[in-house]
Amino acid sequence: MVTLQLFSCTVIIAFSHCCKESGFFMVFKCRGENAALKECLTRHYQDPAFFEECKQEYIREKLEFERTGIPAKNMKQKLPTSM
């Protein structure tokens, strides 16, 4: 699974914090954080190694779905809290 470890956590945390603090006005108040996050994501998505990793993960999930008919997000079953 592609992890967010490749992304700078400080950029994500700063954007999330700004959005939580600003509420509805985040569109106006968090422009700088949003721009930094977009730049970070663009840099990673243009990395050929990262692109290939994402592509391979997509292919694995697609093949698994075709084999089982169950989407990847539904593969993990929740266990009951009381047994």
PDB file of N, CA and C in Angstrom:
ATOM      1  N   MET A   1       0.834  -1.178   0.000  1.00  0.00           N
ATOM      2  CA  MET A   1       0.000   0.000   0.000  1.00  0.00           C
ATOM      3  C   MET A   1       0.883   1.247   0.000  1.00  0.00           C
ATOM      4  N   VAL A   2       0.564   2.205  -0.824  1.00  0.00           N
ATOM      5  CA  VAL A   2       1.308   3.451  -0.887  1.00  0.00           C
ATOM      6  C   VAL A   2       1.039   4.222   0.397  1.00  0.00           C
ATOM      7  N   THR A   3       2.096   4.646   1.045  1.00  0.00           N
ATOM      8  CA  THR A   3       1.940   5.311   2.329  1.00  0.00           C
ATOM      9  C   THR A   3       2.201   6.797   2.214  1.00  0.00           C
ATOM     10  N   LEU A   4       1.723   7.524   3.179  1.00  0.00           N
ATOM     11  CA  LEU A   4       1.953   8.962   3.222  1.00  0.00           C
ATOM     12  C   LEU A   4       3.336   9.301   3.741  1.00  0.00           C
ATOM     13  N   GLN A   5       4.150   8.290   4.053  1.00  0.00           N
ATOM     14  CA  GLN A   5       5.493   8.553   4.526  1.00  0.00           C
ATOM     15  C   GLN A   5       6.309   9.304   3.480  1.00  0.00           C
ATOM     16  N   LEU A   6       5.961   9.133   2.222  1.00  0.00           N
ATOM     17  CA  LEU A   6       6.673   9.839   1.169  1.00  0.00           C
ATOM     18  C   LEU A   6       6.383  11.332   1.199  1.00  0.00           C
ATOM     19  N   PHE A   7       5.222  11.685   1.724  1.00  0.00           N
ATOM     20  CA  PHE A   7       4.836  13.081   1.773  1.00  0.00           C
ATOM     21  C   PHE A   7       5.344  13.708   3.064  1.00  0.00           C
ATOM     22  N   SER A   8       5.619  14.965   2.997  1.00  0.00           N
ATOM     23  CA  SER A   8       6.063  15.682   4.182  1.00  0.00           C
ATOM     24  C   SER A   8       4.895  15.810   5.146  1.00  0.00           C
ATOM     25  N   CYS A   9       5.005  15.159   6.279  1.00  0.00           N
ATOM     26  CA  CYS A   9       3.909  15.182   7.252  1.00  0.00           C
ATOM     27  C   CYS A   9       3.651  16.587   7.766  1.00  0.00           C
ATOM     28  N   THR A  10       4.649  17.428   7.820  1.00  0.00           N
ATOM     29  CA  THR A  10       4.441  18.778   8.336  1.00  0.00           C
ATOM     30  C   THR A  10       3.511  19.569   7.431  1.00  0.00           C
ATOM     31  N   VAL A  11       3.583  19.355   6.137  1.00  0.00           N
ATOM     32  CA  VAL A  11       2.709  20.058   5.193  1.00  0.00           C
ATOM     33  C   VAL A  11       1.266  19.600   5.383  1.00  0.00           C
ATOM     34  N   ILE A  12       1.066  18.316   5.539  1.00  0.00           N
ATOM     35  CA  ILE A  12      -0.278  17.773   5.738  1.00  0.00           C
ATOM     36  C   ILE A  12      -0.848  18.236   7.063  1.00  0.00           C
ATOM     37  N   ILE A  13      -0.037  18.191   8.115  1.00  0.00           N
ATOM     38  CA  ILE A  13      -0.486  18.612   9.443  1.00  0.00           C
ATOM     39  C   ILE A  13      -0.827  20.097   9.447  1.00  0.00           C
ATOM     40  N   ALA A  14      -0.009  20.909   8.809  1.00  0.00           N
ATOM     41  CA  ALA A  14      -0.268  22.345   8.766  1.00  0.00           C
ATOM     42  C   ALA A  14      -1.580  22.646   8.045  1.00  0.00           C
ATOM     43  N   PHE A  15      -1.832  21.969   6.927  1.00  0.00           N
ATOM     44  CA  PHE A  15      -3.067  22.183   6.187  1.00  0.00           C
ATOM     45  C   PHE A  15      -4.272  21.718   7.005  1.00  0.00           C
ATOM     46  N   SER A  16      -4.181  20.549   7.611  1.00  0.00           N
ATOM     47  CA  SER A  16      -5.288  20.025   8.427  1.00  0.00           C
ATOM     48  C   SER A  16      -5.594  20.949   9.600  1.00  0.00           C
ATOM     49  N   HIS A  17      -4.542  21.410  10.267  1.00  0.00           N
ATOM     50  CA  HIS A  17      -4.722  22.297  11.416  1.00  0.00           C
ATOM     51  C   HIS A  17      -5.386  23.610  10.991  1.00  0.00           C
ATOM     52  N   CYS A  18      -4.936  24.167   9.875  1.00  0.00           N
ATOM     53  CA  CYS A  18      -5.508  25.420   9.378  1.00  0.00           C
ATOM     54  C   CYS A  18      -6.986  25.238   9.057  1.00  0.00           C
ATOM     55  N   CYS A  19      -7.333  24.125   8.418  1.00  0.00           N
ATOM     56  CA  CYS A  19      -8.731  23.874   8.060  1.00  0.00           C
ATOM     57  C   CYS A  19      -9.605  23.722   9.296  1.00  0.00           C
ATOM     58  N   LYS A  20      -9.106  23.015  10.294  1.00  0.00           N
ATOM     59  CA  LYS A  20      -9.877  22.824  11.520  1.00  0.00           C
ATOM     60  C   LYS A  20     -10.080  24.135  12.254  1.00  0.00           C
ATOM     61  N   GLU A  21      -9.051  24.974  12.266  1.00  0.00           N
ATOM     62  CA  GLU A  21      -9.127  26.245  12.974  1.00  0.00           C
ATOM     63  C   GLU A  21      -9.999  27.264  12.240  1.00  0.00           C
ATOM     64  N   SER A  22     -10.033  27.187  10.919  1.00  0.00           N
ATOM     65  CA  SER A  22     -10.702  28.211  10.119  1.00  0.00           C
ATOM     66  C   SER A  22     -12.162  27.906   9.829  1.00  0.00           C
ATOM     67  N   GLY A  23     -12.554  26.648   9.919  1.00  0.00           N
ATOM     68  CA  GLY A  23     -13.928  26.280   9.629  1.00  0.00           C
ATOM     69  C   GLY A  23     -14.304  26.593   8.191  1.00  0.00           C
ATOM     70  N   PHE A  24     -15.444  27.240   8.017  1.00  0.00           N
ATOM     71  CA  PHE A  24     -15.960  27.543   6.685  1.00  0.00           C
ATOM     72  C   PHE A  24     -15.030  28.475   5.899  1.00  0.00           C
ATOM     73  N   PHE A  25     -14.281  29.323   6.596  1.00  0.00           N
ATOM     74  CA  PHE A  25     -13.415  30.297   5.938  1.00  0.00           C
ATOM     75  C   PHE A  25     -12.066  29.715   5.513  1.00  0.00           C
ATOM     76  N   MET A  26     -11.924  28.390   5.615  1.00  0.00           N
ATOM     77  CA  MET A  26     -10.654  27.764   5.236  1.00  0.00           C
ATOM     78  C   MET A  26     -10.295  28.049   3.782  1.00  0.00           C
ATOM     79  N   VAL A  27     -11.298  28.229   2.937  1.00  0.00           N
ATOM     80  CA  VAL A  27     -11.048  28.509   1.525  1.00  0.00           C
ATOM     81  C   VAL A  27     -10.189  29.759   1.368  1.00  0.00           C
ATOM     82  N   PHE A  28     -10.416  30.734   2.223  1.00  0.00           N
ATOM     83  CA  PHE A  28      -9.688  32.004   2.131  1.00  0.00           C
ATOM     84  C   PHE A  28      -8.445  32.021   3.021  1.00  0.00           C
ATOM     85  N   LYS A  29      -8.543  31.437   4.199  1.00  0.00           N
ATOM     86  CA  LYS A  29      -7.469  31.546   5.182  1.00  0.00           C
ATOM     87  C   LYS A  29      -6.330  30.557   4.971  1.00  0.00           C
ATOM     88  N   CYS A  30      -6.580  29.454   4.293  1.00  0.00           N
ATOM     89  CA  CYS A  30      -5.568  28.398   4.175  1.00  0.00           C
ATOM     90  C   CYS A  30      -4.961  28.306   2.777  1.00  0.00           C
ATOM     91  N   ARG A  31      -4.952  29.389   2.061  1.00  0.00           N
ATOM     92  CA  ARG A  31      -4.423  29.362   0.686  1.00  0.00           C
ATOM     93  C   ARG A  31      -2.952  28.982   0.651  1.00  0.00           C
ATOM     94  N   GLY A  32      -2.167  29.512   1.568  1.00  0.00           N
ATOM     95  CA  GLY A  32      -0.736  29.199   1.596  1.00  0.00           C
ATOM     96  C   GLY A  32      -0.476  27.731   1.885  1.00  0.00           C
ATOM     97  N   GLU A  33      -1.170  27.195   2.883  1.00  0.00           N
ATOM     98  CA  GLU A  33      -1.021  25.784   3.234  1.00  0.00           C
ATOM     99  C   GLU A  33      -1.498  24.880   2.104  1.00  0.00           C
ATOM    100  N   ASN A  34      -2.587  25.289   1.437  1.00  0.00           N
ATOM    101  CA  ASN A  34      -3.111  24.521   0.320  1.00  0.00           C
ATOM    102  C   ASN A  34      -2.112  24.512  -0.842  1.00  0.00           C
ATOM    103  N   ALA A  35      -1.515  25.643  -1.111  1.00  0.00           N
ATOM    104  CA  ALA A  35      -0.530  25.722  -2.196  1.00  0.00           C
ATOM    105  C   ALA A  35       0.681  24.850  -1.887  1.00  0.00           C
ATOM    106  N   ALA A  36       1.127  24.870  -0.633  1.00  0.00           N
ATOM    107  CA  ALA A  36       2.279  24.048  -0.238  1.00  0.00           C
ATOM    108  C   ALA A  36       1.950  22.560  -0.370  1.00  0.00           C
ATOM    109  N   LEU A  37       0.729  22.174   0.015  1.00  0.00           N
ATOM    110  CA  LEU A  37       0.314  20.787  -0.095  1.00  0.00           C
ATOM    111  C   LEU A  37       0.226  20.360  -1.561  1.00  0.00           C
ATOM    112  N   LYS A  38      -0.354  21.193  -2.409  1.00  0.00           N
ATOM    113  CA  LYS A  38      -0.449  20.874  -3.839  1.00  0.00           C
ATOM    114  C   LYS A  38       0.932  20.723  -4.462  1.00  0.00           C
ATOM    115  N   GLU A  39       1.854  21.600  -4.096  1.00  0.00           N
ATOM    116  CA  GLU A  39       3.215  21.541  -4.633  1.00  0.00           C
ATOM    117  C   GLU A  39       3.904  20.248  -4.203  1.00  0.00           C
ATOM    118  N   CYS A  40       3.710  19.862  -2.951  1.00  0.00           N
ATOM    119  CA  CYS A  40       4.297  18.624  -2.430  1.00  0.00           C
ATOM    120  C   CYS A  40       3.725  17.415  -3.161  1.00  0.00           C
ATOM    121  N   LEU A  41       2.402  17.368  -3.322  1.00  0.00           N
ATOM    122  CA  LEU A  41       1.770  16.255  -4.018  1.00  0.00           C
ATOM    123  C   LEU A  41       2.205  16.186  -5.476  1.00  0.00           C
ATOM    124  N   THR A  42       2.279  17.329  -6.134  1.00  0.00           N
ATOM    125  CA  THR A  42       2.705  17.365  -7.530  1.00  0.00           C
ATOM    126  C   THR A  42       4.124  16.840  -7.679  1.00  0.00           C
ATOM    127  N   ARG A  43       5.001  17.234  -6.764  1.00  0.00           N
ATOM    128  CA  ARG A  43       6.388  16.775  -6.808  1.00  0.00           C
ATOM    129  C   ARG A  43       6.450  15.256  -6.692  1.00  0.00           C
ATOM    130  N   HIS A  44       5.658  14.673  -5.799  1.00  0.00           N
ATOM    131  CA  HIS A  44       5.676  13.220  -5.627  1.00  0.00           C
ATOM    132  C   HIS A  44       5.040  12.497  -6.804  1.00  0.00           C
ATOM    133  N   TYR A  45       3.947  13.030  -7.328  1.00  0.00           N
ATOM    134  CA  TYR A  45       3.287  12.360  -8.445  1.00  0.00           C
ATOM    135  C   TYR A  45       4.095  12.433  -9.733  1.00  0.00           C
ATOM    136  N   GLN A  46       5.006  13.365  -9.836  1.00  0.00           N
ATOM    137  CA  GLN A  46       5.860  13.446 -11.019  1.00  0.00           C
ATOM    138  C   GLN A  46       7.100  12.574 -10.886  1.00  0.00           C
ATOM    139  N   ASP A  47       7.293  11.967  -9.713  1.00  0.00           N
ATOM    140  CA  ASP A  47       8.412  11.055  -9.478  1.00  0.00           C
ATOM    141  C   ASP A  47       8.093   9.713 -10.147  1.00  0.00           C
ATOM    142  N   PRO A  48       8.902   9.280 -11.117  1.00  0.00           N
ATOM    143  CA  PRO A  48       8.591   8.036 -11.849  1.00  0.00           C
ATOM    144  C   PRO A  48       8.505   6.807 -10.939  1.00  0.00           C
ATOM    145  N   ALA A  49       9.333   6.714  -9.919  1.00  0.00           N
ATOM    146  CA  ALA A  49       9.306   5.557  -9.017  1.00  0.00           C
ATOM    147  C   ALA A  49       7.996   5.516  -8.230  1.00  0.00           C
ATOM    148  N   PHE A  50       7.552   6.663  -7.744  1.00  0.00           N
ATOM    149  CA  PHE A  50       6.305   6.731  -6.995  1.00  0.00           C
ATOM    150  C   PHE A  50       5.119   6.435  -7.910  1.00  0.00           C
ATOM    151  N   PHE A  51       5.146   6.959  -9.122  1.00  0.00           N
ATOM    152  CA  PHE A  51       4.088   6.687 -10.090  1.00  0.00           C
ATOM    153  C   PHE A  51       3.985   5.190 -10.359  1.00  0.00           C
ATOM    154  N   GLU A  52       5.126   4.547 -10.540  1.00  0.00           N
ATOM    155  CA  GLU A  52       5.140   3.107 -10.811  1.00  0.00           C
ATOM    156  C   GLU A  52       4.610   2.322  -9.607  1.00  0.00           C
ATOM    157  N   GLU A  53       4.955   2.748  -8.392  1.00  0.00           N
ATOM    158  CA  GLU A  53       4.451   2.086  -7.191  1.00  0.00           C
ATOM    159  C   GLU A  53       2.922   2.199  -7.112  1.00  0.00           C
ATOM    160  N   CYS A  54       2.395   3.379  -7.394  1.00  0.00           N
ATOM    161  CA  CYS A  54       0.938   3.578  -7.383  1.00  0.00           C
ATOM    162  C   CYS A  54       0.264   2.723  -8.455  1.00  0.00           C
ATOM    163  N   LYS A  55       0.879   2.653  -9.625  1.00  0.00           N
ATOM    164  CA  LYS A  55       0.320   1.880 -10.723  1.00  0.00           C
ATOM    165  C   LYS A  55       0.284   0.397 -10.370  1.00  0.00           C
ATOM    166  N   GLN A  56       1.360  -0.116  -9.775  1.00  0.00           N
ATOM    167  CA  GLN A  56       1.408  -1.527  -9.406  1.00  0.00           C
ATOM    168  C   GLN A  56       0.382  -1.852  -8.319  1.00  0.00           C
ATOM    169  N   GLU A  57       0.191  -0.945  -7.367  1.00  0.00           N
ATOM    170  CA  GLU A  57      -0.817  -1.153  -6.326  1.00  0.00           C
ATOM    171  C   GLU A  57      -2.213  -1.193  -6.940  1.00  0.00           C
ATOM    172  N   TYR A  58      -2.482  -0.296  -7.871  1.00  0.00           N
ATOM    173  CA  TYR A  58      -3.780  -0.278  -8.555  1.00  0.00           C
ATOM    174  C   TYR A  58      -4.018  -1.589  -9.296  1.00  0.00           C
ATOM    175  N   ILE A  59      -3.008  -2.069 -10.000  1.00  0.00           N
ATOM    176  CA  ILE A  59      -3.145  -3.317 -10.757  1.00  0.00           C
ATOM    177  C   ILE A  59      -3.405  -4.489  -9.818  1.00  0.00           C
ATOM    178  N   ARG A  60      -2.682  -4.551  -8.676  1.00  0.00           N
ATOM    179  CA  ARG A  60      -2.908  -5.635  -7.712  1.00  0.00           C
ATOM    180  C   ARG A  60      -4.341  -5.604  -7.181  1.00  0.00           C
ATOM    181  N   GLU A  61      -4.819  -4.401  -6.819  1.00  0.00           N
ATOM    182  CA  GLU A  61      -6.179  -4.287  -6.292  1.00  0.00           C
ATOM    183  C   GLU A  61      -7.223  -4.633  -7.352  1.00  0.00           C
ATOM    184  N   LYS A  62      -6.971  -4.237  -8.591  1.00  0.00           N
ATOM    185  CA  LYS A  62      -7.915  -4.537  -9.671  1.00  0.00           C
ATOM    186  C   LYS A  62      -7.984  -6.033  -9.929  1.00  0.00           C
ATOM    187  N   LEU A  63      -6.828  -6.690  -9.959  1.00  0.00           N
ATOM    188  CA  LEU A  63      -6.805  -8.136 -10.180  1.00  0.00           C
ATOM    189  C   LEU A  63      -7.485  -8.874  -9.032  1.00  0.00           C
ATOM    190  N   GLU A  64      -7.273  -8.420  -7.816  1.00  0.00           N
ATOM    191  CA  GLU A  64      -7.913  -9.034  -6.656  1.00  0.00           C
ATOM    192  C   GLU A  64      -9.431  -8.851  -6.722  1.00  0.00           C
ATOM    193  N   PHE A  65      -9.886  -7.679  -7.145  1.00  0.00           N
ATOM    194  CA  PHE A  65     -11.318  -7.446  -7.299  1.00  0.00           C
ATOM    195  C   PHE A  65     -11.908  -8.353  -8.372  1.00  0.00           C
ATOM    196  N   GLU A  66     -11.204  -8.486  -9.487  1.00  0.00           N
ATOM    197  CA  GLU A  66     -11.702  -9.352 -10.562  1.00  0.00           C
ATOM    198  C   GLU A  66     -11.761 -10.806 -10.112  1.00  0.00           C
ATOM    199  N   ARG A  67     -10.826 -11.207  -9.251  1.00  0.00           N
ATOM    200  CA  ARG A  67     -10.786 -12.580  -8.755  1.00  0.00           C
ATOM    201  C   ARG A  67     -11.887 -12.842  -7.736  1.00  0.00           C
ATOM    202  N   THR A  68     -12.110 -11.896  -6.798  1.00  0.00           N
ATOM    203  CA  THR A  68     -13.033 -12.126  -5.689  1.00  0.00           C
ATOM    204  C   THR A  68     -14.365 -11.404  -5.828  1.00  0.00           C
ATOM    205  N   GLY A  69     -14.380 -10.291  -6.548  1.00  0.00           N
ATOM    206  CA  GLY A  69     -15.589  -9.482  -6.641  1.00  0.00           C
ATOM    207  C   GLY A  69     -15.790  -8.576  -5.435  1.00  0.00           C
ATOM    208  N   ILE A  70     -14.791  -8.534  -4.532  1.00  0.00           N
ATOM    209  CA  ILE A  70     -14.877  -7.710  -3.335  1.00  0.00           C
ATOM    210  C   ILE A  70     -13.895  -6.544  -3.471  1.00  0.00           C
ATOM    211  N   PRO A  71     -14.365  -5.294  -3.338  1.00  0.00           N
ATOM    212  CA  PRO A  71     -13.448  -4.157  -3.410  1.00  0.00           C
ATOM    213  C   PRO A  71     -12.412  -4.210  -2.286  1.00  0.00           C
ATOM    214  N   ALA A  72     -11.228  -3.680  -2.535  1.00  0.00           N
ATOM    215  CA  ALA A  72     -10.137  -3.716  -1.564  1.00  0.00           C
ATOM    216  C   ALA A  72     -10.533  -3.057  -0.249  1.00  0.00           C
ATOM    217  N   LYS A  73     -11.309  -1.987  -0.309  1.00  0.00           N
ATOM    218  CA  LYS A  73     -11.678  -1.297   0.921  1.00  0.00           C
ATOM    219  C   LYS A  73     -12.625  -2.130   1.779  1.00  0.00           C
ATOM    220  N   ASN A  74     -13.293  -3.131   1.188  1.00  0.00           N
ATOM    221  CA  ASN A  74     -14.200  -3.997   1.937  1.00  0.00           C
ATOM    222  C   ASN A  74     -13.565  -5.330   2.316  1.00  0.00           C
ATOM    223  N   MET A  75     -12.299  -5.530   1.968  1.00  0.00           N
ATOM    224  CA  MET A  75     -11.640  -6.806   2.232  1.00  0.00           C
ATOM    225  C   MET A  75     -11.432  -7.040   3.724  1.00  0.00           C
ATOM    226  N   LYS A  76     -11.127  -5.991   4.463  1.00  0.00           N
ATOM    227  CA  LYS A  76     -10.871  -6.132   5.890  1.00  0.00           C
ATOM    228  C   LYS A  76     -12.207  -6.182   6.620  1.00  0.00           C
ATOM    229  N   GLN A  77     -12.439  -7.268   7.301  1.00  0.00           N
ATOM    230  CA  GLN A  77     -13.676  -7.402   8.040  1.00  0.00           C
ATOM    231  C   GLN A  77     -13.450  -6.970   9.478  1.00  0.00           C
ATOM    232  N   LYS A  78     -14.432  -6.301  10.029  1.00  0.00           N
ATOM    233  CA  LYS A  78     -14.351  -5.896  11.420  1.00  0.00           C
ATOM    234  C   LYS A  78     -14.776  -7.062  12.299  1.00  0.00           C
ATOM    235  N   LEU A  79     -13.985  -7.326  13.310  1.00  0.00           N
ATOM    236  CA  LEU A  79     -14.327  -8.368  14.251  1.00  0.00           C
ATOM    237  C   LEU A  79     -15.287  -7.818  15.291  1.00  0.00           C
ATOM    238  N   PRO A  80     -16.208  -8.639  15.764  1.00  0.00           N
ATOM    239  CA  PRO A  80     -17.114  -8.160  16.814  1.00  0.00           C
ATOM    240  C   PRO A  80     -16.334  -7.840  18.092  1.00  0.00           C
ATOM    241  N   THR A  81     -16.788  -6.832  18.814  1.00  0.00           N
ATOM    242  CA  THR A  81     -16.077  -6.420  20.019  1.00  0.00           C
ATOM    243  C   THR A  81     -16.287  -7.399  21.167  1.00  0.00           C
ATOM    244  N   SER A  82     -17.416  -8.098  21.184  1.00  0.00           N
ATOM    245  CA  SER A  82     -17.660  -9.093  22.226  1.00  0.00           C
ATOM    246  C   SER A  82     -17.866 -10.450  21.583  1.00  0.00           C
ATOM    247  N   MET A  83     -17.149 -11.424  22.074  1.00  0.00           N
ATOM    248  CA  MET A  83     -17.248 -12.762  21.484  1.00  0.00           C
ATOM    249  C   MET A  83     -17.826 -13.719  22.486  1.00  0.00           C
TER     250      MET A  83
END
